[in-house]
PDB file of all heavy atoms in Angstrom:
ATOM      1  N   LEU A   1      13.993   2.409  -9.865  1.00  0.00           N
ATOM      2  CA  LEU A   1      14.637   3.493 -10.544  1.00  0.00           C
ATOM      3  C   LEU A   1      13.784   3.970 -11.748  1.00  0.00           C
ATOM      4  O   LEU A   1      13.811   5.220 -12.093  1.00  0.00           O
ATOM      5  CB  LEU A   1      15.979   3.041 -10.907  1.00  0.00           C
ATOM      6  CG  LEU A   1      16.988   2.846  -9.742  1.00  0.00           C
ATOM      7  CD1 LEU A   1      18.316   2.275 -10.296  1.00  0.00           C
ATOM      8  CD2 LEU A   1      17.210   4.150  -8.980  1.00  0.00           C
ATOM      9  N   ARG A   2      13.173   3.101 -12.396  1.00  0.00           N
ATOM     10  CA  ARG A   2      12.286   3.463 -13.603  1.00  0.00           C
ATOM     11  C   ARG A   2      11.157   4.374 -13.088  1.00  0.00           C
ATOM     12  O   ARG A   2      10.826   5.342 -13.765  1.00  0.00           O
ATOM     13  CB  ARG A   2      11.713   2.258 -14.219  1.00  0.00           C
ATOM     14  CG  ARG A   2      10.779   2.413 -15.320  1.00  0.00           C
ATOM     15  CD  ARG A   2      10.392   1.135 -16.003  1.00  0.00           C
ATOM     16  NE  ARG A   2       9.269   1.298 -17.026  1.00  0.00           N
ATOM     17  CZ  ARG A   2       8.018   1.221 -16.747  1.00  0.00           C
ATOM     18  NH1 ARG A   2       7.598   1.023 -15.471  1.00  0.00           N
ATOM     19  NH2 ARG A   2       7.081   1.414 -17.683  1.00  0.00           N
ATOM     20  N   CYS A   3      10.508   4.011 -11.947  1.00  0.00           N
ATOM     21  CA  CYS A   3       9.367   4.771 -11.476  1.00  0.00           C
ATOM     22  C   CYS A   3       9.952   6.152 -11.002  1.00  0.00           C
ATOM     23  O   CYS A   3       9.280   7.163 -11.223  1.00  0.00           O
ATOM     24  CB  CYS A   3       8.697   4.083 -10.349  1.00  0.00           C
ATOM     25  SG  CYS A   3       7.868   2.602 -10.902  1.00  0.00           S
ATOM     26  N   GLU A   4      11.052   6.175 -10.368  1.00  0.00           N
ATOM     27  CA  GLU A   4      11.665   7.461  -9.947  1.00  0.00           C
ATOM     28  C   GLU A   4      11.981   8.334 -11.157  1.00  0.00           C
ATOM     29  O   GLU A   4      11.762   9.515 -11.092  1.00  0.00           O
ATOM     30  CB  GLU A   4      12.960   7.179  -9.137  1.00  0.00           C
ATOM     31  CG  GLU A   4      12.750   6.621  -7.790  1.00  0.00           C
ATOM     32  CD  GLU A   4      12.560   7.779  -6.737  1.00  0.00           C
ATOM     33  OE1 GLU A   4      12.258   8.926  -7.157  1.00  0.00           O
ATOM     34  OE2 GLU A   4      12.523   7.426  -5.524  1.00  0.00           O
ATOM     35  N   TRP A   5      12.547   7.725 -12.174  1.00  0.00           N
ATOM     36  CA  TRP A   5      12.882   8.502 -13.395  1.00  0.00           C
ATOM     37  C   TRP A   5      11.685   9.102 -14.007  1.00  0.00           C
ATOM     38  O   TRP A   5      11.727  10.223 -14.571  1.00  0.00           O
ATOM     39  CB  TRP A   5      13.626   7.610 -14.395  1.00  0.00           C
ATOM     40  CG  TRP A   5      14.077   8.237 -15.613  1.00  0.00           C
ATOM     41  CD1 TRP A   5      13.512   8.277 -16.853  1.00  0.00           C
ATOM     42  CD2 TRP A   5      15.329   8.974 -15.736  1.00  0.00           C
ATOM     43  NE1 TRP A   5      14.246   8.999 -17.725  1.00  0.00           N
ATOM     44  CE2 TRP A   5      15.392   9.448 -17.050  1.00  0.00           C
ATOM     45  CE3 TRP A   5      16.325   9.368 -14.802  1.00  0.00           C
ATOM     46  CZ2 TRP A   5      16.399  10.183 -17.514  1.00  0.00           C
ATOM     47  CZ3 TRP A   5      17.319  10.142 -15.335  1.00  0.00           C
ATOM     48  CH2 TRP A   5      17.361  10.624 -16.643  1.00  0.00           C
ATOM     49  N   ARG A   6      10.530   8.479 -13.988  1.00  0.00           N
ATOM     50  CA  ARG A   6       9.311   8.941 -14.574  1.00  0.00           C
ATOM     51  C   ARG A   6       8.586   9.804 -13.594  1.00  0.00           C
ATOM     52  O   ARG A   6       7.449  10.284 -13.985  1.00  0.00           O
ATOM     53  CB  ARG A   6       8.432   7.759 -15.074  1.00  0.00           C
ATOM     54  CG  ARG A   6       9.132   6.958 -16.182  1.00  0.00           C
ATOM     55  CD  ARG A   6       8.191   6.168 -16.944  1.00  0.00           C
ATOM     56  NE  ARG A   6       8.792   5.540 -18.092  1.00  0.00           N
ATOM     57  CZ  ARG A   6       8.132   4.887 -19.045  1.00  0.00           C
ATOM     58  NH1 ARG A   6       6.829   4.719 -18.906  1.00  0.00           N
ATOM     59  NH2 ARG A   6       8.752   4.404 -20.106  1.00  0.00           N
ATOM     60  N   GLY A   7       9.061  10.053 -12.399  1.00  0.00           N
ATOM     61  CA  GLY A   7       8.360  10.856 -11.385  1.00  0.00           C
ATOM     62  C   GLY A   7       7.065  10.422 -10.911  1.00  0.00           C
ATOM     63  O   GLY A   7       6.200  11.208 -10.508  1.00  0.00           O
ATOM     64  N   HIS A   8       6.913   9.125 -10.818  1.00  0.00           N
ATOM     65  CA  HIS A   8       5.666   8.510 -10.240  1.00  0.00           C
ATOM     66  C   HIS A   8       6.015   8.111  -8.873  1.00  0.00           C
ATOM     67  O   HIS A   8       6.378   6.869  -8.596  1.00  0.00           O
ATOM     68  CB  HIS A   8       5.307   7.318 -11.139  1.00  0.00           C
ATOM     69  CG  HIS A   8       3.797   6.994 -10.946  1.00  0.00           C
ATOM     70  ND1 HIS A   8       3.337   6.208  -9.930  1.00  0.00           N
ATOM     71  CD2 HIS A   8       2.740   7.352 -11.668  1.00  0.00           C
ATOM     72  CE1 HIS A   8       2.033   6.013 -10.014  1.00  0.00           C
ATOM     73  NE2 HIS A   8       1.628   6.739 -11.037  1.00  0.00           N
ATOM     74  N   ALA A   9       5.789   8.895  -7.874  1.00  0.00           N
ATOM     75  CA  ALA A   9       6.192   8.694  -6.484  1.00  0.00           C
ATOM     76  C   ALA A   9       5.546   7.471  -5.866  1.00  0.00           C
ATOM     77  O   ALA A   9       6.237   6.719  -5.226  1.00  0.00           O
ATOM     78  CB  ALA A   9       5.910   9.967  -5.689  1.00  0.00           C
ATOM     79  N   PRO A  10       4.132   7.296  -5.968  1.00  0.00           N
ATOM     80  CA  PRO A  10       3.562   6.103  -5.275  1.00  0.00           C
ATOM     81  C   PRO A  10       4.195   4.757  -5.775  1.00  0.00           C
ATOM     82  O   PRO A  10       4.564   3.874  -4.985  1.00  0.00           O
ATOM     83  CB  PRO A  10       2.103   6.193  -5.646  1.00  0.00           C
ATOM     84  CG  PRO A  10       1.910   7.658  -5.880  1.00  0.00           C
ATOM     85  CD  PRO A  10       3.175   8.145  -6.568  1.00  0.00           C
ATOM     86  N   SER A  11       4.337   4.708  -7.119  1.00  0.00           N
ATOM     87  CA  SER A  11       4.860   3.393  -7.666  1.00  0.00           C
ATOM     88  C   SER A  11       6.312   3.247  -7.310  1.00  0.00           C
ATOM     89  O   SER A  11       6.834   2.135  -6.952  1.00  0.00           O
ATOM     90  CB  SER A  11       4.756   3.431  -9.218  1.00  0.00           C
ATOM     91  OG  SER A  11       3.456   3.391  -9.622  1.00  0.00           O
ATOM     92  N   ALA A  12       7.063   4.367  -7.243  1.00  0.00           N
ATOM     93  CA  ALA A  12       8.492   4.278  -6.791  1.00  0.00           C
ATOM     94  C   ALA A  12       8.615   3.818  -5.386  1.00  0.00           C
ATOM     95  O   ALA A  12       9.447   3.011  -4.997  1.00  0.00           O
ATOM     96  CB  ALA A  12       9.095   5.713  -6.920  1.00  0.00           C
ATOM     97  N   THR A  13       7.679   4.242  -4.562  1.00  0.00           N
ATOM     98  CA  THR A  13       7.684   3.904  -3.199  1.00  0.00           C
ATOM     99  C   THR A  13       7.497   2.342  -2.928  1.00  0.00           C
ATOM    100  O   THR A  13       8.157   1.670  -2.155  1.00  0.00           O
ATOM    101  CB  THR A  13       6.537   4.653  -2.353  1.00  0.00           C
ATOM    102  OG1 THR A  13       6.908   6.066  -2.441  1.00  0.00           O
ATOM    103  CG2 THR A  13       6.589   4.213  -0.885  1.00  0.00           C
ATOM    104  N   ILE A  14       6.407   1.822  -3.683  1.00  0.00           N
ATOM    105  CA  ILE A  14       6.269   0.434  -3.464  1.00  0.00           C
ATOM    106  C   ILE A  14       7.314  -0.491  -4.124  1.00  0.00           C
ATOM    107  O   ILE A  14       7.605  -1.474  -3.591  1.00  0.00           O
ATOM    108  CB  ILE A  14       4.862  -0.023  -4.057  1.00  0.00           C
ATOM    109  CG1 ILE A  14       4.696   0.206  -5.467  1.00  0.00           C
ATOM    110  CG2 ILE A  14       3.736   0.765  -3.268  1.00  0.00           C
ATOM    111  CD1 ILE A  14       3.367  -0.290  -6.015  1.00  0.00           C
ATOM    112  N   TRP A  15       7.905  -0.041  -5.196  1.00  0.00           N
ATOM    113  CA  TRP A  15       9.037  -0.746  -5.692  1.00  0.00           C
ATOM    114  C   TRP A  15      10.273  -0.746  -4.828  1.00  0.00           C
ATOM    115  O   TRP A  15      10.893  -1.670  -4.608  1.00  0.00           O
ATOM    116  CB  TRP A  15       9.423  -0.262  -7.130  1.00  0.00           C
ATOM    117  CG  TRP A  15       8.545  -0.775  -8.256  1.00  0.00           C
ATOM    118  CD1 TRP A  15       7.502  -0.103  -8.875  1.00  0.00           C
ATOM    119  CD2 TRP A  15       8.804  -2.041  -8.963  1.00  0.00           C
ATOM    120  NE1 TRP A  15       7.043  -0.969  -9.888  1.00  0.00           N
ATOM    121  CE2 TRP A  15       7.819  -2.069  -9.957  1.00  0.00           C
ATOM    122  CE3 TRP A  15       9.738  -3.094  -8.812  1.00  0.00           C
ATOM    123  CZ2 TRP A  15       7.702  -3.149 -10.836  1.00  0.00           C
ATOM    124  CZ3 TRP A  15       9.557  -4.169  -9.687  1.00  0.00           C
ATOM    125  CH2 TRP A  15       8.610  -4.230 -10.657  1.00  0.00           C
ATOM    126  N   ARG A  16      10.444   0.535  -4.237  1.00  0.00           N
ATOM    127  CA  ARG A  16      11.539   0.624  -3.297  1.00  0.00           C
ATOM    128  C   ARG A  16      11.343  -0.273  -2.051  1.00  0.00           C
ATOM    129  O   ARG A  16      12.308  -0.927  -1.530  1.00  0.00           O
ATOM    130  CB  ARG A  16      11.680   2.051  -2.846  1.00  0.00           C
ATOM    131  CG  ARG A  16      12.971   2.262  -1.993  1.00  0.00           C
ATOM    132  CD  ARG A  16      13.216   3.780  -1.661  1.00  0.00           C
ATOM    133  NE  ARG A  16      12.176   4.363  -0.791  1.00  0.00           N
ATOM    134  CZ  ARG A  16      11.324   5.189  -1.098  1.00  0.00           C
ATOM    135  NH1 ARG A  16      11.241   5.621  -2.360  1.00  0.00           N
ATOM    136  NH2 ARG A  16      10.392   5.620  -0.319  1.00  0.00           N
ATOM    137  N   LEU A  17      10.135  -0.373  -1.584  1.00  0.00           N
ATOM    138  CA  LEU A  17       9.853  -1.321  -0.485  1.00  0.00           C
ATOM    139  C   LEU A  17      10.230  -2.714  -0.736  1.00  0.00           C
ATOM    140  O   LEU A  17      10.762  -3.401   0.100  1.00  0.00           O
ATOM    141  CB  LEU A  17       8.256  -1.197  -0.125  1.00  0.00           C
ATOM    142  CG  LEU A  17       7.871   0.029   0.662  1.00  0.00           C
ATOM    143  CD1 LEU A  17       6.314   0.065   0.671  1.00  0.00           C
ATOM    144  CD2 LEU A  17       8.441   0.053   2.049  1.00  0.00           C
ATOM    145  N   GLN A  18       9.917  -3.134  -1.990  1.00  0.00           N
ATOM    146  CA  GLN A  18      10.256  -4.522  -2.342  1.00  0.00           C
ATOM    147  C   GLN A  18      11.806  -4.670  -2.554  1.00  0.00           C
ATOM    148  O   GLN A  18      12.344  -5.712  -2.117  1.00  0.00           O
ATOM    149  CB  GLN A  18       9.532  -4.847  -3.644  1.00  0.00           C
ATOM    150  CG  GLN A  18       8.087  -5.008  -3.542  1.00  0.00           C
ATOM    151  CD  GLN A  18       7.693  -6.248  -2.783  1.00  0.00           C
ATOM    152  OE1 GLN A  18       8.208  -7.309  -2.842  1.00  0.00           O
ATOM    153  NE2 GLN A  18       6.504  -6.041  -2.061  1.00  0.00           N
ATOM    154  N   TRP A  19      12.431  -3.636  -2.969  1.00  0.00           N
ATOM    155  CA  TRP A  19      13.932  -3.644  -3.124  1.00  0.00           C
ATOM    156  C   TRP A  19      14.549  -3.748  -1.677  1.00  0.00           C
ATOM    157  O   TRP A  19      15.458  -4.474  -1.446  1.00  0.00           O
ATOM    158  CB  TRP A  19      14.386  -2.499  -3.826  1.00  0.00           C
ATOM    159  CG  TRP A  19      15.900  -2.513  -3.955  1.00  0.00           C
ATOM    160  CD1 TRP A  19      16.806  -3.336  -4.696  1.00  0.00           C
ATOM    161  CD2 TRP A  19      16.805  -1.621  -3.215  1.00  0.00           C
ATOM    162  NE1 TRP A  19      18.032  -2.952  -4.491  1.00  0.00           N
ATOM    163  CE2 TRP A  19      18.161  -1.973  -3.587  1.00  0.00           C
ATOM    164  CE3 TRP A  19      16.575  -0.581  -2.293  1.00  0.00           C
ATOM    165  CZ2 TRP A  19      19.189  -1.291  -3.030  1.00  0.00           C
ATOM    166  CZ3 TRP A  19      17.717   0.081  -1.763  1.00  0.00           C
ATOM    167  CH2 TRP A  19      18.965  -0.203  -2.128  1.00  0.00           C
ATOM    168  N   GLN A  20      14.069  -2.885  -0.786  1.00  0.00           N
ATOM    169  CA  GLN A  20      14.489  -2.973   0.557  1.00  0.00           C
ATOM    170  C   GLN A  20      14.253  -4.218   1.211  1.00  0.00           C
ATOM    171  O   GLN A  20      15.111  -4.755   1.974  1.00  0.00           O
ATOM    172  CB  GLN A  20      13.838  -1.810   1.364  1.00  0.00           C
ATOM    173  CG  GLN A  20      14.335  -0.405   0.964  1.00  0.00           C
ATOM    174  CD  GLN A  20      13.535   0.661   1.546  1.00  0.00           C
ATOM    175  OE1 GLN A  20      12.465   0.515   2.074  1.00  0.00           O
ATOM    176  NE2 GLN A  20      14.077   1.910   1.585  1.00  0.00           N
ATOM    177  N   ALA A  21      13.103  -4.876   0.920  1.00  0.00           N
ATOM    178  CA  ALA A  21      12.854  -6.258   1.449  1.00  0.00           C
ATOM    179  C   ALA A  21      13.845  -7.303   0.923  1.00  0.00           C
ATOM    180  O   ALA A  21      14.294  -8.087   1.753  1.00  0.00           O
ATOM    181  CB  ALA A  21      11.466  -6.670   1.000  1.00  0.00           C
ATOM    182  N   ALA A  22      14.276  -7.153  -0.352  1.00  0.00           N
ATOM    183  CA  ALA A  22      15.281  -8.059  -0.795  1.00  0.00           C
ATOM    184  C   ALA A  22      16.610  -7.816  -0.051  1.00  0.00           C
ATOM    185  O   ALA A  22      17.288  -8.821   0.177  1.00  0.00           O
ATOM    186  CB  ALA A  22      15.508  -7.807  -2.375  1.00  0.00           C
ATOM    187  N   CYS A  23      16.962  -6.615   0.314  1.00  0.00           N
ATOM    188  CA  CYS A  23      18.187  -6.379   0.999  1.00  0.00           C
ATOM    189  C   CYS A  23      18.139  -6.870   2.486  1.00  0.00           C
ATOM    190  O   CYS A  23      19.106  -7.240   3.008  1.00  0.00           O
ATOM    191  CB  CYS A  23      18.513  -4.875   1.099  1.00  0.00           C
ATOM    192  SG  CYS A  23      18.747  -4.079  -0.537  1.00  0.00           S
ATOM    193  N   LEU A  24      16.826  -6.978   3.015  1.00  0.00           N
ATOM    194  CA  LEU A  24      16.736  -7.527   4.371  1.00  0.00           C
ATOM    195  C   LEU A  24      16.682  -9.015   4.455  1.00  0.00           C
ATOM    196  O   LEU A  24      16.768  -9.626   5.500  1.00  0.00           O
ATOM    197  CB  LEU A  24      15.450  -6.762   5.014  1.00  0.00           C
ATOM    198  CG  LEU A  24      15.485  -5.371   5.416  1.00  0.00           C
ATOM    199  CD1 LEU A  24      14.188  -4.998   5.898  1.00  0.00           C
ATOM    200  CD2 LEU A  24      16.620  -5.088   6.401  1.00  0.00           C
ATOM    201  N   CYS A  25      16.391  -9.592   3.307  1.00  0.00           N
ATOM    202  CA  CYS A  25      16.172 -11.092   3.312  1.00  0.00           C
ATOM    203  C   CYS A  25      17.350 -11.883   3.908  1.00  0.00           C
ATOM    204  O   CYS A  25      17.047 -12.850   4.619  1.00  0.00           O
ATOM    205  CB  CYS A  25      15.996 -11.546   1.836  1.00  0.00           C
ATOM    206  SG  CYS A  25      14.234 -11.378   1.258  1.00  0.00           S
ATOM    207  N   PRO A  26      18.643 -11.575   3.742  1.00  0.00           N
ATOM    208  CA  PRO A  26      19.655 -12.341   4.355  1.00  0.00           C
ATOM    209  C   PRO A  26      19.548 -12.374   5.868  1.00  0.00           C
ATOM    210  O   PRO A  26      19.780 -13.370   6.506  1.00  0.00           O
ATOM    211  CB  PRO A  26      20.978 -11.642   3.809  1.00  0.00           C
ATOM    212  CG  PRO A  26      20.549 -11.010   2.537  1.00  0.00           C
ATOM    213  CD  PRO A  26      19.145 -10.534   2.764  1.00  0.00           C
ATOM    214  N   PHE A  27      19.185 -11.225   6.483  1.00  0.00           N
ATOM    215  CA  PHE A  27      19.019 -11.194   7.942  1.00  0.00           C
ATOM    216  C   PHE A  27      17.854 -11.921   8.414  1.00  0.00           C
ATOM    217  O   PHE A  27      17.858 -12.596   9.505  1.00  0.00           O
ATOM    218  CB  PHE A  27      18.957  -9.714   8.367  1.00  0.00           C
ATOM    219  CG  PHE A  27      20.186  -8.882   8.052  1.00  0.00           C
ATOM    220  CD1 PHE A  27      20.198  -8.114   6.898  1.00  0.00           C
ATOM    221  CD2 PHE A  27      21.335  -8.957   8.749  1.00  0.00           C
ATOM    222  CE1 PHE A  27      21.289  -7.376   6.529  1.00  0.00           C
ATOM    223  CE2 PHE A  27      22.506  -8.248   8.455  1.00  0.00           C
ATOM    224  CZ  PHE A  27      22.442  -7.441   7.301  1.00  0.00           C
ATOM    225  N   ALA A  28      16.745 -11.925   7.638  1.00  0.00           N
ATOM    226  CA  ALA A  28      15.609 -12.785   7.958  1.00  0.00           C
ATOM    227  C   ALA A  28      15.921 -14.272   7.805  1.00  0.00           C
ATOM    228  O   ALA A  28      15.464 -15.001   8.651  1.00  0.00           O
ATOM    229  CB  ALA A  28      14.401 -12.325   7.121  1.00  0.00           C
ATOM    230  N   LEU A  29      16.716 -14.520   6.861  1.00  0.00           N
ATOM    231  CA  LEU A  29      17.168 -15.934   6.626  1.00  0.00           C
ATOM    232  C   LEU A  29      17.928 -16.314   7.836  1.00  0.00           C
ATOM    233  O   LEU A  29      17.758 -17.531   8.328  1.00  0.00           O
ATOM    234  CB  LEU A  29      17.990 -16.043   5.314  1.00  0.00           C
ATOM    235  CG  LEU A  29      18.256 -17.424   4.806  1.00  0.00           C
ATOM    236  CD1 LEU A  29      18.518 -17.308   3.326  1.00  0.00           C
ATOM    237  CD2 LEU A  29      19.417 -18.099   5.541  1.00  0.00           C
ATOM    238  N   LEU A  30      18.930 -15.589   8.333  1.00  0.00           N
ATOM    239  CA  LEU A  30      19.776 -16.006   9.474  1.00  0.00           C
ATOM    240  C   LEU A  30      18.863 -16.164  10.663  1.00  0.00           C
ATOM    241  O   LEU A  30      19.025 -17.179  11.428  1.00  0.00           O
ATOM    242  CB  LEU A  30      20.790 -14.862   9.704  1.00  0.00           C
ATOM    243  CG  LEU A  30      22.021 -14.795   8.779  1.00  0.00           C
ATOM    244  CD1 LEU A  30      22.828 -13.565   9.051  1.00  0.00           C
ATOM    245  CD2 LEU A  30      22.880 -16.029   9.003  1.00  0.00           C
ATOM    246  N   ALA A  31      17.939 -15.273  10.912  1.00  0.00           N
ATOM    247  CA  ALA A  31      17.115 -15.436  12.147  1.00  0.00           C
ATOM    248  C   ALA A  31      16.244 -16.637  12.050  1.00  0.00           C
ATOM    249  O   ALA A  31      16.095 -17.426  13.088  1.00  0.00           O
ATOM    250  CB  ALA A  31      16.247 -14.159  12.338  1.00  0.00           C
ATOM    251  N   THR A  32      15.648 -16.852  10.890  1.00  0.00           N
ATOM    252  CA  THR A  32      14.764 -18.006  10.684  1.00  0.00           C
ATOM    253  C   THR A  32      15.566 -19.370  10.831  1.00  0.00           C
ATOM    254  O   THR A  32      15.086 -20.345  11.290  1.00  0.00           O
ATOM    255  CB  THR A  32      14.054 -17.938   9.297  1.00  0.00           C
ATOM    256  OG1 THR A  32      13.457 -16.660   9.237  1.00  0.00           O
ATOM    257  CG2 THR A  32      13.028 -19.050   9.179  1.00  0.00           C
TER     258      THR A  32
END
């Protein structure tokens, strides 16, 4: 959100990827 607020699209994208990874972790945990 900080990168989005400052209008820095590439940084926002990679932070969002990490946040999305955090949201997917429970499903990866179940499969593993």
